[in-house]
Amino acid sequence: MFTHGVALNQLFLDFNAFFASCEQHLRPELRGKPLGIVTMPVDTACCIAASYEAKAHGVKTGTLVREARGLCPDIVLVSARPAEYVRLHEKLVEVVERQMHIEQVHSIDEVSCRLTGRWREREAARALALQIKAAVRREVGPWLRCSIGVAPNLFLAKTGSDMEKPDGLVVLEEAEWPAALAKLELRDLCGIGPRMEARLRAAGLGTVAALLAADRAQARAAWGSVEGERFWEKLRGTDWAGEETRKTCIGHSHVLPPELRDGPRALAVLHRLLQKAAMRLRAAGYFAGELGVAVEHTGAPSWDARLGLEPTQDTVELAAALEELWAQRPKLAPGARPLLVAVTLMRLEHARDHTPSLFRTETGRRAGLLRAVDGLNRIYGYGAVYWAGALPDSRAGRGAAPMRIAFNRIPDPKLEQENEWGGN
């Protein structure tokens, strides 16, 4: 059963095909054309975003470039420009904030607002959503369209924002959201991926309608934990105030261009990625207790390894751990080459919870040097000062860790804006 008297509490805004829309906004000659946004225009790379014109041909996020060209021969491949997307994100946030206070920025293309007072009434909430859309068109431009969902909680509002794209507006009130949700597939609900879908089907909950009809105990049994009960409550409009988020990992990955696809140069890129992750770690005020390294190959299986650490944010210690892990990498068969490399800092603890070691005096002495290096990179651009492990020969790692935008992280251009390595 669904409870009665659940009010509209949340407005969720999703900027549609954001990276591609940014490019069409900034470059009029690309408007109306199928775009694939890529980290590099090579066949082995994948599209990190696609315009709606490209999506109409079946191109989507994650589609390999060679597949995208087959699906849409006229596709225009555009190298991503994260700094521009962050700049437009900040402008859009300013515009939305002038219409309604933003409670939370979820990602570079998603924000939410808590509705209060008269804004919780259906027509007032709908008018507010239309006002936000009009302000974006007027103050930024018509190519940065957004879909908006309004509902009793964040989960349902986000679901509503996905139901009509592009430029949609869906209001899910208590009387209508069960019927509206029943039309969706399980995978359309945030938090249900392939494995969870399989578990739900095995539990006899193979449709959204069946999930809506389940009781709390069935939901808990299907999930195998209290998370099932939480999901059950989300489906019924329960609204929780946002909890403080805590970082669980910091990392970077990079597809290697052909000239860097050998062992020494791949290791140089890993050092470059690690130095960047360590700078972000310090800026966020965390220490890492584990380092993970992963490499995907052509002609050989993928490899990954982890190493536990005494919690640290010291680049020198992390680099030594990287070298230790790299020494464990299996010997490759003839013709096999590294294709993608990644580093991840895990088991994070906040500085306020960290107890410094009494015996690591060298690390303590290096802390001032690390602060100075970080400060110079903020002023002059990332890469103005770097540790030499990233360049084993002839600037091999140069440009190998460009700015990236993850789903739930907006990069700080002051930390990640690239500089030419080894400049005069």
Protein backbone atom coordinates (compact mmCIF):
# COMPACT_ATOMS: atom_id res chain seq x y z
CA MET A 1 0.00 0.00 0.00
CA PHE A 2 1.03 3.58 -0.64
CA THR A 3 0.76 6.17 2.12
CA HIS A 4 -1.47 9.20 1.73
CA GLY A 5 -0.66 12.87 2.02
CA VAL A 6 2.86 12.70 0.55
CA ALA A 7 3.75 16.18 -0.73
CA LEU A 8 6.02 17.28 -3.56
CA ASN A 9 9.42 17.93 -2.00
CA GLN A 10 12.08 17.68 -4.69
CA LEU A 11 12.84 19.16 -8.11
CA PHE A 12 15.56 17.31 -10.03
CA LEU A 13 17.17 18.89 -13.08
CA ASP A 14 19.18 16.92 -15.66
CA PHE A 15 20.96 18.75 -18.50
CA ASN A 16 20.48 16.56 -21.54
CA ALA A 17 23.48 15.08 -23.44
CA PHE A 18 25.51 17.67 -21.59
CA PHE A 19 28.99 17.38 -23.14
CA ALA A 20 27.59 17.20 -26.68
CA SER A 21 25.16 20.04 -25.96
CA CYS A 22 28.03 22.17 -24.65
CA GLU A 23 29.89 21.69 -27.92
CA GLN A 24 26.79 22.57 -29.95
CA HIS A 25 26.29 25.64 -27.78
CA LEU A 26 29.90 26.76 -28.20
CA ARG A 27 30.28 25.83 -31.88
CA PRO A 28 27.28 26.78 -34.03
CA GLU A 29 28.59 24.77 -36.99
CA LEU A 30 27.95 21.57 -34.98
CA ARG A 31 24.30 22.29 -34.23
CA GLY A 32 21.92 19.70 -35.57
CA LYS A 33 24.76 17.30 -36.40
CA PRO A 34 25.41 13.87 -34.86
CA LEU A 35 28.29 14.27 -32.40
CA GLY A 36 30.40 11.79 -30.50
CA ILE A 37 32.50 13.27 -27.69
CA VAL A 38 35.74 11.33 -27.28
CA THR A 39 38.92 11.50 -25.25
CA MET A 40 40.85 10.86 -28.46
CA PRO A 41 39.61 10.23 -32.05
CA VAL A 42 40.96 6.69 -32.48
CA ASP A 43 38.98 3.54 -33.23
CA THR A 44 39.81 1.90 -29.89
CA ALA A 45 38.48 4.84 -27.86
CA CYS A 46 34.83 5.12 -26.86
CA CYS A 47 32.29 7.91 -26.92
CA ILE A 48 31.95 9.49 -23.50
CA ALA A 49 28.84 11.33 -24.73
CA ALA A 50 26.65 11.55 -27.81
CA SER A 51 24.29 14.19 -29.14
CA TYR A 52 20.64 13.33 -29.64
CA GLU A 53 21.24 13.33 -33.40
CA ALA A 54 23.82 10.55 -32.85
CA LYS A 55 21.64 8.73 -30.32
CA ALA A 56 18.96 8.45 -32.99
CA HIS A 57 21.38 6.15 -34.87
CA GLY A 58 22.11 4.00 -31.81
CA VAL A 59 25.29 5.73 -30.63
CA LYS A 60 25.44 6.11 -26.85
CA THR A 61 27.89 6.58 -24.02
CA GLY A 62 30.42 3.75 -24.15
CA THR A 63 30.05 3.02 -27.87
CA LEU A 64 33.45 2.35 -29.45
CA VAL A 65 34.48 4.89 -32.08
CA ARG A 66 34.67 2.26 -34.82
CA GLU A 67 31.17 1.05 -33.91
CA ALA A 68 29.87 4.63 -33.82
CA ARG A 69 31.20 5.22 -37.33
CA GLY A 70 29.41 2.08 -38.50
CA LEU A 71 26.12 3.09 -36.88
CA CYS A 72 26.34 6.69 -38.03
CA PRO A 73 28.76 7.33 -40.94
CA ASP A 74 28.20 11.09 -40.69
CA ILE A 75 29.11 11.30 -37.02
CA VAL A 76 31.44 14.15 -36.07
CA LEU A 77 34.00 13.14 -33.44
CA VAL A 78 34.89 15.97 -31.08
CA SER A 79 37.68 15.81 -28.51
CA ALA A 80 36.34 16.54 -25.04
CA ARG A 81 37.07 19.93 -23.48
CA PRO A 82 36.38 19.40 -19.76
CA ALA A 83 37.40 22.91 -18.71
CA GLU A 84 34.73 24.38 -21.01
CA TYR A 85 32.09 22.01 -19.65
CA VAL A 86 32.96 22.97 -16.08
CA ARG A 87 32.73 26.67 -17.00
CA LEU A 88 29.27 26.17 -18.50
CA HIS A 89 28.23 24.06 -15.51
CA GLU A 90 29.14 26.92 -13.17
CA LYS A 91 27.16 29.38 -15.31
CA LEU A 92 24.12 27.10 -15.32
CA VAL A 93 24.31 26.66 -11.56
CA GLU A 94 24.29 30.45 -11.18
CA VAL A 95 21.21 30.75 -13.39
CA VAL A 96 19.27 28.00 -11.59
CA GLU A 97 20.27 29.38 -8.17
CA ARG A 98 18.68 32.72 -9.05
CA GLN A 99 15.37 30.95 -9.63
CA MET A 100 15.46 28.49 -6.71
CA HIS A 101 18.11 27.55 -4.15
CA ILE A 102 20.07 24.45 -5.21
CA GLU A 103 20.18 21.98 -2.36
CA GLN A 104 22.68 19.61 -3.97
CA VAL A 105 24.91 19.42 -7.05
CA HIS A 106 24.98 15.72 -7.89
CA SER A 107 27.21 15.84 -10.96
CA ILE A 108 28.24 18.19 -13.72
CA ASP A 109 24.83 17.81 -15.38
CA GLU A 110 22.49 17.14 -12.43
CA VAL A 111 21.28 19.35 -9.58
CA SER A 112 18.32 19.21 -7.22
CA CYS A 113 16.27 21.78 -5.31
CA ARG A 114 14.16 21.22 -2.19
CA LEU A 115 10.66 22.59 -2.58
CA THR A 116 9.18 24.54 0.32
CA GLY A 117 6.01 26.46 1.07
CA ARG A 118 3.77 27.12 -1.91
CA TRP A 119 6.32 25.58 -4.29
CA ARG A 120 5.14 22.17 -3.05
CA GLU A 121 1.82 22.68 -4.82
CA ARG A 122 1.65 21.03 -8.23
CA GLU A 123 0.95 24.08 -10.38
CA ALA A 124 3.49 26.23 -8.51
CA ALA A 125 6.17 23.53 -8.86
CA ARG A 126 5.40 23.16 -12.55
CA ALA A 127 5.56 26.94 -13.03
CA LEU A 128 8.92 27.01 -11.25
CA ALA A 129 10.28 24.27 -13.55
CA LEU A 130 9.16 26.20 -16.63
CA GLN A 131 10.70 29.37 -15.17
CA ILE A 132 14.04 27.60 -14.76
CA LYS A 133 13.93 26.31 -18.33
CA ALA A 134 13.13 29.79 -19.67
CA ALA A 135 15.97 31.36 -17.65
CA VAL A 136 18.48 28.82 -19.03
CA ARG A 137 17.38 29.52 -22.61
CA ARG A 138 17.48 33.28 -22.06
CA GLU A 139 20.70 33.62 -20.06
CA VAL A 140 22.81 30.77 -21.48
CA GLY A 141 21.29 29.47 -24.70
CA PRO A 142 18.69 27.13 -26.23
CA TRP A 143 21.11 24.29 -26.94
CA LEU A 144 21.60 23.47 -23.26
CA ARG A 145 18.24 21.81 -22.74
CA CYS A 146 17.22 20.22 -19.47
CA SER A 147 14.68 17.66 -18.29
CA ILE A 148 13.06 18.23 -14.91
CA GLY A 149 11.33 15.81 -12.56
CA VAL A 150 9.22 16.92 -9.60
CA ALA A 151 8.22 14.38 -6.96
CA PRO A 152 7.97 13.68 -3.22
CA ASN A 153 11.58 12.47 -2.94
CA LEU A 154 14.87 12.66 -4.78
CA PHE A 155 14.65 9.12 -6.16
CA LEU A 156 11.26 9.69 -7.78
CA ALA A 157 12.22 13.18 -9.01
CA LYS A 158 15.33 11.80 -10.71
CA THR A 159 13.24 9.00 -12.21
CA GLY A 160 10.80 11.61 -13.52
CA SER A 161 13.61 13.61 -15.11
CA ASP A 162 14.60 10.51 -17.12
CA MET A 163 11.08 9.78 -18.37
CA GLU A 164 10.87 12.56 -20.98
CA LYS A 165 14.04 13.55 -22.83
CA PRO A 166 15.14 15.91 -24.16
CA ASP A 167 13.63 19.03 -22.58
CA GLY A 168 10.95 17.16 -20.64
CA LEU A 169 8.96 18.02 -17.52
CA VAL A 170 7.33 15.29 -15.42
CA VAL A 171 5.46 15.87 -12.15
CA LEU A 172 4.86 12.69 -10.14
CA GLU A 173 2.23 13.20 -7.49
CA GLU A 174 1.06 10.51 -5.11
CA ALA A 175 -1.99 9.55 -7.16
CA GLU A 176 -0.07 9.03 -10.38
CA TRP A 177 3.46 7.79 -9.77
CA PRO A 178 2.61 4.06 -9.24
CA ALA A 179 0.95 3.89 -12.67
CA ALA A 180 3.71 5.98 -14.27
CA LEU A 181 6.48 3.83 -12.79
CA ALA A 182 4.75 0.57 -13.76
CA LYS A 183 5.37 1.46 -17.41
CA LEU A 184 9.15 1.46 -16.89
CA GLU A 185 11.67 -1.37 -17.09
CA LEU A 186 13.50 -2.43 -13.92
CA ARG A 187 16.76 -1.05 -15.29
CA ASP A 188 15.13 2.38 -15.68
CA LEU A 189 15.16 2.72 -11.89
CA CYS A 190 18.33 4.23 -10.46
CA GLY A 191 20.17 1.60 -8.41
CA ILE A 192 19.07 -1.45 -10.42
CA GLY A 193 21.80 -2.78 -12.67
CA PRO A 194 22.17 -6.09 -14.51
CA ARG A 195 22.98 -8.16 -11.41
CA MET A 196 20.22 -6.65 -9.29
CA GLU A 197 17.75 -7.13 -12.12
CA ALA A 198 18.67 -10.82 -12.27
CA ARG A 199 18.19 -11.16 -8.51
CA LEU A 200 14.79 -9.49 -8.66
CA ARG A 201 13.67 -11.75 -11.49
CA ALA A 202 14.82 -14.79 -9.53
CA ALA A 203 12.73 -13.54 -6.59
CA GLY A 204 9.63 -13.26 -8.78
CA LEU A 205 9.87 -9.47 -9.05
CA GLY A 206 10.62 -9.25 -12.76
CA THR A 207 8.68 -6.06 -13.47
CA VAL A 208 8.35 -2.66 -11.88
CA ALA A 209 4.68 -3.42 -11.28
CA ALA A 210 5.64 -6.54 -9.31
CA LEU A 211 8.20 -4.57 -7.34
CA LEU A 212 5.59 -1.94 -6.50
CA ALA A 213 3.19 -4.66 -5.32
CA ALA A 214 5.81 -6.33 -3.09
CA ASP A 215 5.79 -5.79 0.64
CA ARG A 216 8.72 -4.61 2.74
CA ALA A 217 9.78 -8.15 3.71
CA GLN A 218 9.84 -9.31 0.08
CA ALA A 219 11.98 -6.33 -0.89
CA ARG A 220 14.46 -7.00 1.89
CA ALA A 221 14.66 -10.68 0.95
CA ALA A 222 15.24 -9.84 -2.74
CA TRP A 223 18.11 -7.47 -1.94
CA GLY A 224 19.41 -9.65 0.85
CA SER A 225 19.87 -6.63 3.11
CA VAL A 226 18.20 -3.59 4.62
CA GLU A 227 18.87 -1.81 1.30
CA GLY A 228 15.79 -3.58 -0.04
CA GLU A 229 13.66 -1.89 2.61
CA ARG A 230 15.21 1.48 1.77
CA PHE A 231 14.40 0.96 -1.91
CA TRP A 232 10.84 -0.06 -0.99
CA GLU A 233 10.45 3.21 0.94
CA LYS A 234 11.89 5.29 -1.91
CA LEU A 235 9.28 3.82 -4.24
CA ARG A 236 6.62 5.03 -1.81
CA GLY A 237 7.81 8.61 -1.65
CA THR A 238 9.68 8.59 1.66
CA ASP A 239 11.86 11.69 1.73
CA TRP A 240 15.13 11.81 3.63
CA ALA A 241 17.29 14.87 4.08
CA GLY A 242 20.59 14.46 2.25
CA GLU A 243 23.34 12.81 4.24
CA GLU A 244 26.93 13.95 4.13
CA THR A 245 28.73 12.13 1.37
CA ARG A 246 32.11 10.56 2.00
CA LYS A 247 34.68 9.81 -0.65
CA THR A 248 35.45 6.12 -1.06
CA CYS A 249 38.16 6.35 -3.72
CA ILE A 250 40.09 8.76 -5.92
CA GLY A 251 41.53 7.64 -9.22
CA HIS A 252 42.36 8.29 -12.84
CA SER A 253 42.53 6.16 -15.98
CA HIS A 254 43.83 6.82 -19.48
CA VAL A 255 43.65 5.10 -22.87
CA LEU A 256 47.20 5.05 -24.18
CA PRO A 257 47.86 6.53 -27.62
CA PRO A 258 49.80 4.16 -29.90
CA GLU A 259 53.18 5.79 -29.19
CA LEU A 260 52.86 5.06 -25.44
CA ARG A 261 51.83 1.42 -25.70
CA ASP A 262 54.88 -0.23 -24.17
CA GLY A 263 55.90 -1.09 -20.61
CA PRO A 264 58.16 1.86 -19.69
CA ARG A 265 55.86 4.48 -21.18
CA ALA A 266 52.76 2.88 -19.66
CA LEU A 267 54.47 3.05 -16.27
CA ALA A 268 55.34 6.69 -16.90
CA VAL A 269 51.67 7.44 -17.56
CA LEU A 270 50.71 5.59 -14.38
CA HIS A 271 53.09 7.82 -12.43
CA ARG A 272 51.50 10.84 -14.08
CA LEU A 273 48.02 9.63 -13.11
CA LEU A 274 49.16 8.84 -9.58
CA GLN A 275 50.67 12.30 -9.08
CA LYS A 276 47.43 13.88 -10.17
CA ALA A 277 45.37 11.61 -7.88
CA ALA A 278 47.70 12.38 -4.96
CA MET A 279 47.24 16.12 -5.51
CA ARG A 280 43.46 15.66 -5.47
CA LEU A 281 43.77 13.49 -2.35
CA ARG A 282 45.58 16.26 -0.49
CA ALA A 283 43.20 18.94 -1.76
CA ALA A 284 40.21 16.94 -0.50
CA GLY A 285 41.86 16.40 2.89
CA TYR A 286 42.12 12.60 2.76
CA PHE A 287 44.74 9.90 3.33
CA ALA A 288 44.80 6.65 1.31
CA GLY A 289 45.24 3.23 2.86
CA GLU A 290 45.39 1.22 -0.36
CA LEU A 291 46.65 1.65 -3.91
CA GLY A 292 45.15 -0.17 -6.87
CA VAL A 293 46.64 -0.46 -10.37
CA ALA A 294 44.95 -1.88 -13.45
CA VAL A 295 46.11 -2.39 -17.04
CA GLU A 296 44.09 -3.55 -20.04
CA HIS A 297 46.04 -5.07 -22.92
CA THR A 298 45.68 -5.90 -26.56
CA GLY A 299 46.56 -9.54 -27.07
CA ALA A 300 46.67 -10.42 -23.37
CA PRO A 301 44.32 -10.57 -20.36
CA SER A 302 43.79 -7.55 -18.17
CA TRP A 303 45.88 -7.26 -15.00
CA ASP A 304 45.20 -5.55 -11.72
CA ALA A 305 46.73 -5.57 -8.26
CA ARG A 306 46.35 -3.81 -4.92
CA LEU A 307 48.69 -2.94 -2.11
CA GLY A 308 47.73 -1.99 1.45
CA LEU A 309 49.45 1.09 2.85
CA GLU A 310 49.89 2.86 6.10
CA PRO A 311 47.51 5.77 5.41
CA THR A 312 49.38 8.39 3.39
CA GLN A 313 48.98 11.34 1.04
CA ASP A 314 52.70 11.48 0.21
CA THR A 315 53.45 11.26 -3.53
CA VAL A 316 56.87 9.69 -2.91
CA GLU A 317 55.41 6.87 -0.80
CA LEU A 318 52.63 6.28 -3.30
CA ALA A 319 55.12 6.20 -6.17
CA ALA A 320 57.19 3.57 -4.34
CA ALA A 321 54.03 1.49 -3.88
CA LEU A 322 53.28 1.83 -7.58
CA GLU A 323 56.75 0.55 -8.48
CA GLU A 324 56.26 -2.39 -6.11
CA LEU A 325 52.98 -3.31 -7.75
CA TRP A 326 54.38 -2.85 -11.26
CA ALA A 327 57.14 -5.33 -10.47
CA GLN A 328 54.41 -7.97 -9.95
CA ARG A 329 53.00 -7.46 -13.44
CA PRO A 330 53.19 -10.69 -15.45
CA LYS A 331 55.40 -10.86 -18.50
CA LEU A 332 53.43 -10.26 -21.68
CA ALA A 333 53.33 -12.58 -24.66
CA PRO A 334 55.00 -11.32 -27.85
CA GLY A 335 52.82 -8.75 -29.57
CA ALA A 336 50.75 -7.93 -26.49
CA ARG A 337 50.69 -4.25 -25.55
CA PRO A 338 49.17 -2.13 -22.78
CA LEU A 339 46.06 -0.26 -23.95
CA LEU A 340 44.58 1.39 -20.86
CA VAL A 341 46.10 2.11 -17.46
CA ALA A 342 44.43 3.18 -14.22
CA VAL A 343 45.35 3.99 -10.63
CA THR A 344 42.94 4.17 -7.70
CA LEU A 345 43.53 5.39 -4.16
CA MET A 346 41.23 3.50 -1.78
CA ARG A 347 40.44 2.99 1.91
CA LEU A 348 40.30 6.73 2.36
CA GLU A 349 40.22 8.36 5.76
CA HIS A 350 39.63 12.05 6.37
CA ALA A 351 42.45 14.12 7.82
CA ARG A 352 40.36 14.77 10.94
CA ASP A 353 40.35 11.00 11.61
CA HIS A 354 44.00 10.46 10.76
CA THR A 355 46.65 9.82 13.42
CA PRO A 356 50.16 10.67 12.14
CA SER A 357 52.89 8.08 12.66
CA LEU A 358 55.62 8.89 15.19
CA PHE A 359 58.18 6.98 13.13
CA ARG A 360 57.73 8.39 9.59
CA THR A 361 59.82 11.50 10.07
CA GLU A 362 60.82 11.71 6.41
CA THR A 363 57.15 11.88 5.40
CA GLY A 364 56.58 14.71 7.83
CA ARG A 365 59.54 16.66 6.46
CA ARG A 366 58.21 16.22 2.91
CA ALA A 367 54.76 17.64 3.74
CA GLY A 368 55.95 21.22 3.25
CA LEU A 369 57.50 20.36 -0.10
CA LEU A 370 54.26 18.72 -1.26
CA ARG A 371 52.27 21.80 -0.27
CA ALA A 372 54.69 23.97 -2.24
CA VAL A 373 54.43 21.73 -5.33
CA ASP A 374 50.63 21.75 -5.13
CA GLY A 375 50.61 25.52 -4.75
CA LEU A 376 52.78 26.04 -7.83
CA ASN A 377 50.59 23.70 -9.88
CA ARG A 378 47.47 25.60 -8.83
CA ILE A 379 49.03 28.92 -9.89
CA TYR A 380 50.77 27.88 -13.10
CA GLY A 381 48.68 24.89 -14.20
CA TYR A 382 48.96 21.21 -13.39
CA GLY A 383 52.30 19.84 -14.58
CA ALA A 384 54.28 23.02 -13.96
CA VAL A 385 56.12 21.01 -11.27
CA TYR A 386 56.16 17.21 -11.26
CA TRP A 387 58.05 14.18 -9.99
CA ALA A 388 60.49 12.77 -12.51
CA GLY A 389 59.06 9.23 -12.44
CA ALA A 390 56.44 10.36 -14.95
CA LEU A 391 59.04 11.01 -17.63
CA PRO A 392 61.41 8.08 -18.16
CA ASP A 393 62.41 9.34 -21.60
CA SER A 394 61.71 12.20 -23.98
CA ARG A 395 58.55 13.58 -22.36
CA ALA A 396 56.68 10.27 -22.74
CA GLY A 397 54.03 11.11 -20.18
CA ARG A 398 53.29 14.59 -21.48
CA GLY A 399 49.57 15.20 -21.73
CA ALA A 400 48.87 11.65 -20.56
CA ALA A 401 46.50 12.61 -17.72
CA PRO A 402 44.12 15.21 -19.09
CA MET A 403 41.20 16.57 -17.12
CA ARG A 404 38.36 14.08 -16.81
CA ILE A 405 34.82 14.50 -15.51
CA ALA A 406 33.44 11.51 -13.63
CA PHE A 407 29.74 10.95 -13.07
CA ASN A 408 29.76 12.24 -9.50
CA ARG A 409 32.79 14.53 -9.54
CA ILE A 410 33.27 17.94 -11.07
CA PRO A 411 36.99 18.65 -11.51
CA ASP A 412 38.51 21.82 -10.14
CA PRO A 413 40.25 23.50 -13.10
CA LYS A 414 42.76 25.05 -10.68
CA LEU A 415 43.87 21.54 -9.74
CA GLU A 416 43.60 19.87 -13.12
CA GLN A 417 44.13 22.41 -15.88
CA GLU A 418 47.00 21.11 -17.92
CA ASN A 419 50.29 22.88 -18.45
CA GLU A 420 53.02 22.00 -20.92
CA TRP A 421 55.43 19.67 -19.18
CA GLY A 422 59.03 20.71 -18.98
CA GLY A 423 58.34 24.26 -20.18
CA ASN A 424 60.98 26.95 -20.27
